[in-house]
Each structure stands twice: as structure tokens, then as C-alpha cells.
Amino acid sequence: MDEQLEKRLRFLRKANTEGMPHSDRGLLDHLLGTRQLLVEWEARPALCDAGLFHSVYGTEYYEPQAVPLTMRNEVQQLIGEEAEWLAWLFCMIRRETLYDNPGRQGEFRIQYRLTNEWLGLTQSQFQDLLTLNIANTLEAFPRCSRRDRRYLRRYLRRYLRRFRDIAVPPAKRAFDRIDVKWWEIWK
């Protein structure tokens, strides 16, 4: 393990991410798993680093905060400005506004969930958020309880499926491995 990654993991452990429940394990396991998927998908280093911190400020679906927003500068120093911004954005967006973007040509936008302000995104920023969202969901899927897996299958089919054709190829392949028919939702 490289020194930078070890330094980041020490920070996350100090923030008690190991003790925070997430998908039947600790948040740190989920953060590491999401980062690992992004590494396997050969994502840019900044996106992989964002994956390691993608839920630390809490999200609309995962409310616990491992790191308070007042510590954003410390996180920036650890993973860089771009990676921290992506992680922060992942935490702060109203997720359904991300899902409203397919088919837009350069007019991507999302809404901050805390202030309701709108933020324009470049195509590459939208692609990064989409990739991070897919990795986040796919990483948690196999570790969830049966009830939560049913919810995630519906979520995958209802929301993320519309992004399949614009996802990066490794994310498409990973998505296809767990994309299921409607009758399989009840398994």
C-alpha cells in the first residue's frame, strides 16, 4: 500500500468510519470497496480518491457524517481539490436532479440538497458523478440484506439503468452482471 493511501486511511479511521454501519459492514469497507471498483475500472486518480471519500460528509440517503463540513480543507489537503470537490458534490446533491440529465447536450445541472441552488456541470463532471454513483451502488449491492437488495434492484432498474448506455464500459459490464428482470426482484 502506498504512503498516500495509508495516510488517507489513517484519517478515515480517526473519523471512526470503521464503526459507522453501512450495507451490513462498516463505512470504511464501503469506501474502500467503491475506490477499488473505480481503480479496476481504470478511472482517473482524482475520481478514485473521490470514491474513497464519497460519503464522508453524509448524503441524502446516508445521513451520518464521518467528517464535518468544517474539515473540507483537511480533506482537500489529503486527496486534492478536484477529488474533494467530487466527494463533496456527491454528498451534497439532490440525487434525483442527477437523474434528470440524460439526453441533455452540455446543459448538465444538479441541485444542492441543503440550499436548493442549481449548479451547472461540464460533461466530464457529470460523467464522474455518474460513474461514482454507479460504483457506490454496485459496491454495496452484494453486501446488503435481502430486503435492501430488493430496494437496490428496483433503484438500479428505475434510475441507474437509464445511464447504462452512457456509463464507462467497465461500469456497463458491472451493471449488466447484476441487472435483473422484474420477476427476480422478489428473490
Protein backbone atom coordinates (compact mmCIF):
# COMPACT_ATOMS: atom_id res chain seq x y z
CA MET A 1 0.00 0.00 0.00
CA ASP A 2 1.42 3.39 -0.89
CA GLU A 3 2.13 6.04 1.71
CA GLN A 4 -0.58 8.45 0.46
CA LEU A 5 -3.29 5.79 0.67
CA GLU A 6 -2.16 4.80 4.16
CA LYS A 7 -2.31 8.44 5.26
CA ARG A 8 -5.87 8.71 3.91
CA LEU A 9 -6.90 5.51 5.64
CA ARG A 10 -5.49 6.77 8.96
CA PHE A 11 -7.61 9.90 8.54
CA LEU A 12 -10.74 7.84 7.80
CA ARG A 13 -10.09 5.53 10.75
CA LYS A 14 -9.62 8.54 13.03
CA ALA A 15 -13.03 9.74 11.78
CA ASN A 16 -14.46 6.40 13.03
CA THR A 17 -15.62 5.23 9.61
CA GLU A 18 -14.91 1.64 10.65
CA GLY A 19 -17.53 1.94 13.40
CA MET A 20 -20.20 3.54 11.21
CA PRO A 21 -22.64 0.94 9.83
CA HIS A 22 -23.12 0.77 6.08
CA SER A 23 -24.59 -2.07 3.99
CA ASP A 24 -24.12 -4.69 6.71
CA ARG A 25 -20.49 -3.64 7.30
CA GLY A 26 -18.60 -0.53 8.22
CA LEU A 27 -18.48 2.64 6.15
CA LEU A 28 -14.72 2.27 5.70
CA ASP A 29 -15.22 -1.10 3.97
CA HIS A 30 -17.74 0.52 1.63
CA LEU A 31 -15.45 3.47 0.88
CA LEU A 32 -12.54 1.14 0.15
CA GLY A 33 -14.74 -1.11 -2.00
CA THR A 34 -16.04 1.83 -4.02
CA ARG A 35 -12.49 3.08 -4.56
CA GLN A 36 -11.41 -0.42 -5.59
CA LEU A 37 -14.17 -0.64 -8.21
CA LEU A 38 -13.06 2.69 -9.64
CA VAL A 39 -9.44 1.53 -9.71
CA GLU A 40 -10.49 -1.68 -11.50
CA TRP A 41 -12.47 0.42 -13.98
CA GLU A 42 -9.26 2.42 -14.60
CA ALA A 43 -10.86 5.68 -13.51
CA ARG A 44 -8.72 8.79 -13.18
CA PRO A 45 -6.83 9.07 -9.86
CA ALA A 46 -8.96 12.04 -8.72
CA LEU A 47 -12.14 10.01 -9.23
CA CYS A 48 -10.65 7.03 -7.36
CA ASP A 49 -9.73 9.36 -4.49
CA ALA A 50 -13.24 10.82 -4.53
CA GLY A 51 -14.55 7.26 -4.29
CA LEU A 52 -12.59 6.76 -1.08
CA PHE A 53 -14.27 9.82 0.48
CA HIS A 54 -17.59 9.87 -1.38
CA SER A 55 -19.94 9.62 1.64
CA VAL A 56 -17.90 11.11 4.46
CA TYR A 57 -19.97 14.30 4.68
CA GLY A 58 -23.25 12.35 4.67
CA THR A 59 -25.67 12.12 1.76
CA GLU A 60 -29.42 12.39 1.38
CA TYR A 61 -29.57 8.58 1.62
CA TYR A 62 -26.76 8.05 4.12
CA GLU A 63 -27.13 10.74 6.75
CA PRO A 64 -24.30 10.05 9.23
CA GLN A 65 -21.37 12.41 8.83
CA ALA A 66 -17.95 10.92 9.44
CA VAL A 67 -16.30 14.23 8.63
CA PRO A 68 -17.91 17.61 9.36
CA LEU A 69 -18.04 20.13 6.51
CA THR A 70 -15.75 22.37 8.54
CA MET A 71 -12.94 19.90 7.74
CA ARG A 72 -13.16 20.20 3.95
CA ASN A 73 -9.75 21.89 3.80
CA GLU A 74 -8.13 18.94 5.56
CA VAL A 75 -9.76 16.52 3.13
CA GLN A 76 -8.59 18.70 0.22
CA GLN A 77 -5.03 18.50 1.51
CA LEU A 78 -5.30 14.71 1.68
CA ILE A 79 -6.86 13.95 -1.70
CA GLY A 80 -6.60 17.15 -3.72
CA GLU A 81 -9.06 19.86 -4.61
CA GLU A 82 -10.74 18.09 -7.55
CA ALA A 83 -11.24 14.79 -5.71
CA GLU A 84 -12.58 16.54 -2.61
CA TRP A 85 -14.94 18.63 -4.72
CA LEU A 86 -16.33 15.48 -6.38
CA ALA A 87 -16.74 13.78 -3.00
CA TRP A 88 -18.41 16.88 -1.55
CA LEU A 89 -20.67 17.20 -4.56
CA PHE A 90 -21.68 13.54 -4.31
CA CYS A 91 -22.68 14.18 -0.70
CA MET A 92 -24.49 17.45 -1.31
CA ILE A 93 -26.56 16.78 -4.43
CA ARG A 94 -30.25 16.09 -4.56
CA ARG A 95 -29.85 12.74 -6.31
CA GLU A 96 -33.00 12.91 -8.44
CA THR A 97 -31.61 16.02 -10.15
CA LEU A 98 -28.65 13.96 -11.36
CA TYR A 99 -31.14 11.53 -12.90
CA ASP A 100 -32.81 14.32 -14.87
CA ASN A 101 -29.71 14.81 -17.04
CA PRO A 102 -29.78 12.01 -19.65
CA GLY A 103 -30.24 13.40 -23.13
CA ARG A 104 -29.01 16.88 -22.28
CA GLN A 105 -26.34 18.22 -24.57
CA GLY A 106 -23.89 20.17 -22.46
CA GLU A 107 -26.51 21.60 -20.12
CA PHE A 108 -25.95 19.29 -17.19
CA ARG A 109 -27.02 20.53 -13.80
CA ILE A 110 -27.69 19.31 -10.30
CA GLN A 111 -29.26 20.83 -7.22
CA TYR A 112 -27.63 21.23 -3.82
CA ARG A 113 -29.85 19.41 -1.35
CA LEU A 114 -29.15 21.82 1.53
CA THR A 115 -29.72 25.13 -0.28
CA ASN A 116 -31.77 24.14 -3.37
CA GLU A 117 -29.30 26.12 -5.52
CA TRP A 118 -28.60 24.82 -9.03
CA LEU A 119 -25.09 24.12 -10.26
CA GLY A 120 -24.11 23.61 -13.86
CA LEU A 121 -21.80 20.72 -14.65
CA THR A 122 -19.49 20.02 -17.54
CA GLN A 123 -19.96 16.75 -19.35
CA SER A 124 -16.88 15.30 -17.65
CA GLN A 125 -18.13 16.35 -14.19
CA PHE A 126 -21.49 14.76 -14.94
CA GLN A 127 -19.72 11.59 -16.14
CA ASP A 128 -17.62 11.50 -12.95
CA LEU A 129 -20.69 11.84 -10.72
CA LEU A 130 -22.49 9.19 -12.73
CA THR A 131 -19.54 6.79 -12.50
CA LEU A 132 -19.18 7.43 -8.78
CA ASN A 133 -22.91 6.86 -8.26
CA ILE A 134 -22.82 3.56 -10.14
CA ALA A 135 -19.72 2.38 -8.24
CA ASN A 136 -21.31 3.37 -4.93
CA THR A 137 -24.45 1.37 -5.68
CA LEU A 138 -22.78 -1.67 -7.20
CA GLU A 139 -20.28 -1.93 -4.35
CA ALA A 140 -22.99 -2.01 -1.71
CA PHE A 141 -25.31 -4.38 -3.59
CA PRO A 142 -23.80 -7.79 -2.73
CA ARG A 143 -23.35 -6.89 0.94
CA CYS A 144 -26.86 -5.66 1.59
CA SER A 145 -29.56 -7.55 3.37
CA ARG A 146 -32.14 -9.33 1.26
CA ARG A 147 -34.65 -6.51 1.84
CA ASP A 148 -32.10 -3.86 0.89
CA ARG A 149 -31.05 -5.80 -2.21
CA ARG A 150 -34.67 -5.73 -3.42
CA TYR A 151 -34.66 -1.97 -2.95
CA LEU A 152 -31.33 -1.61 -4.76
CA ARG A 153 -32.51 -3.78 -7.65
CA ARG A 154 -35.52 -1.50 -8.10
CA TYR A 155 -33.23 1.52 -7.81
CA LEU A 156 -30.88 0.09 -10.42
CA ARG A 157 -33.73 -0.62 -12.80
CA ARG A 158 -35.68 2.60 -12.22
CA TYR A 159 -32.86 5.14 -12.08
CA LEU A 160 -29.42 3.85 -12.96
CA ARG A 161 -30.49 1.75 -15.95
CA ARG A 162 -31.16 4.89 -17.97
CA PHE A 163 -27.45 5.73 -17.58
CA ARG A 164 -26.18 2.35 -18.71
CA ASP A 165 -25.56 3.41 -22.31
CA ILE A 166 -23.56 6.48 -21.30
CA ALA A 167 -21.62 4.82 -18.48
CA VAL A 168 -17.95 3.97 -18.90
CA PRO A 169 -17.54 0.46 -20.39
CA PRO A 170 -16.34 -1.25 -17.17
CA ALA A 171 -19.34 0.20 -15.29
CA LYS A 172 -21.65 -1.10 -18.04
CA ARG A 173 -20.21 -4.59 -17.68
CA ALA A 174 -20.52 -4.49 -13.89
CA PHE A 175 -24.08 -3.18 -14.16
CA ASP A 176 -25.01 -5.94 -16.61
CA ARG A 177 -23.80 -8.61 -14.20
CA ILE A 178 -26.45 -7.65 -11.67
CA ASP A 179 -29.16 -6.13 -13.86
CA VAL A 180 -32.16 -8.35 -13.30
CA LYS A 181 -35.61 -8.93 -14.71
CA TRP A 182 -38.61 -7.60 -12.81
CA TRP A 183 -39.60 -11.06 -11.56
CA GLU A 184 -36.18 -11.50 -9.97
CA ILE A 185 -36.73 -8.52 -7.68
CA TRP A 186 -38.64 -10.76 -5.25
CA LYS A 187 -35.86 -13.32 -4.84
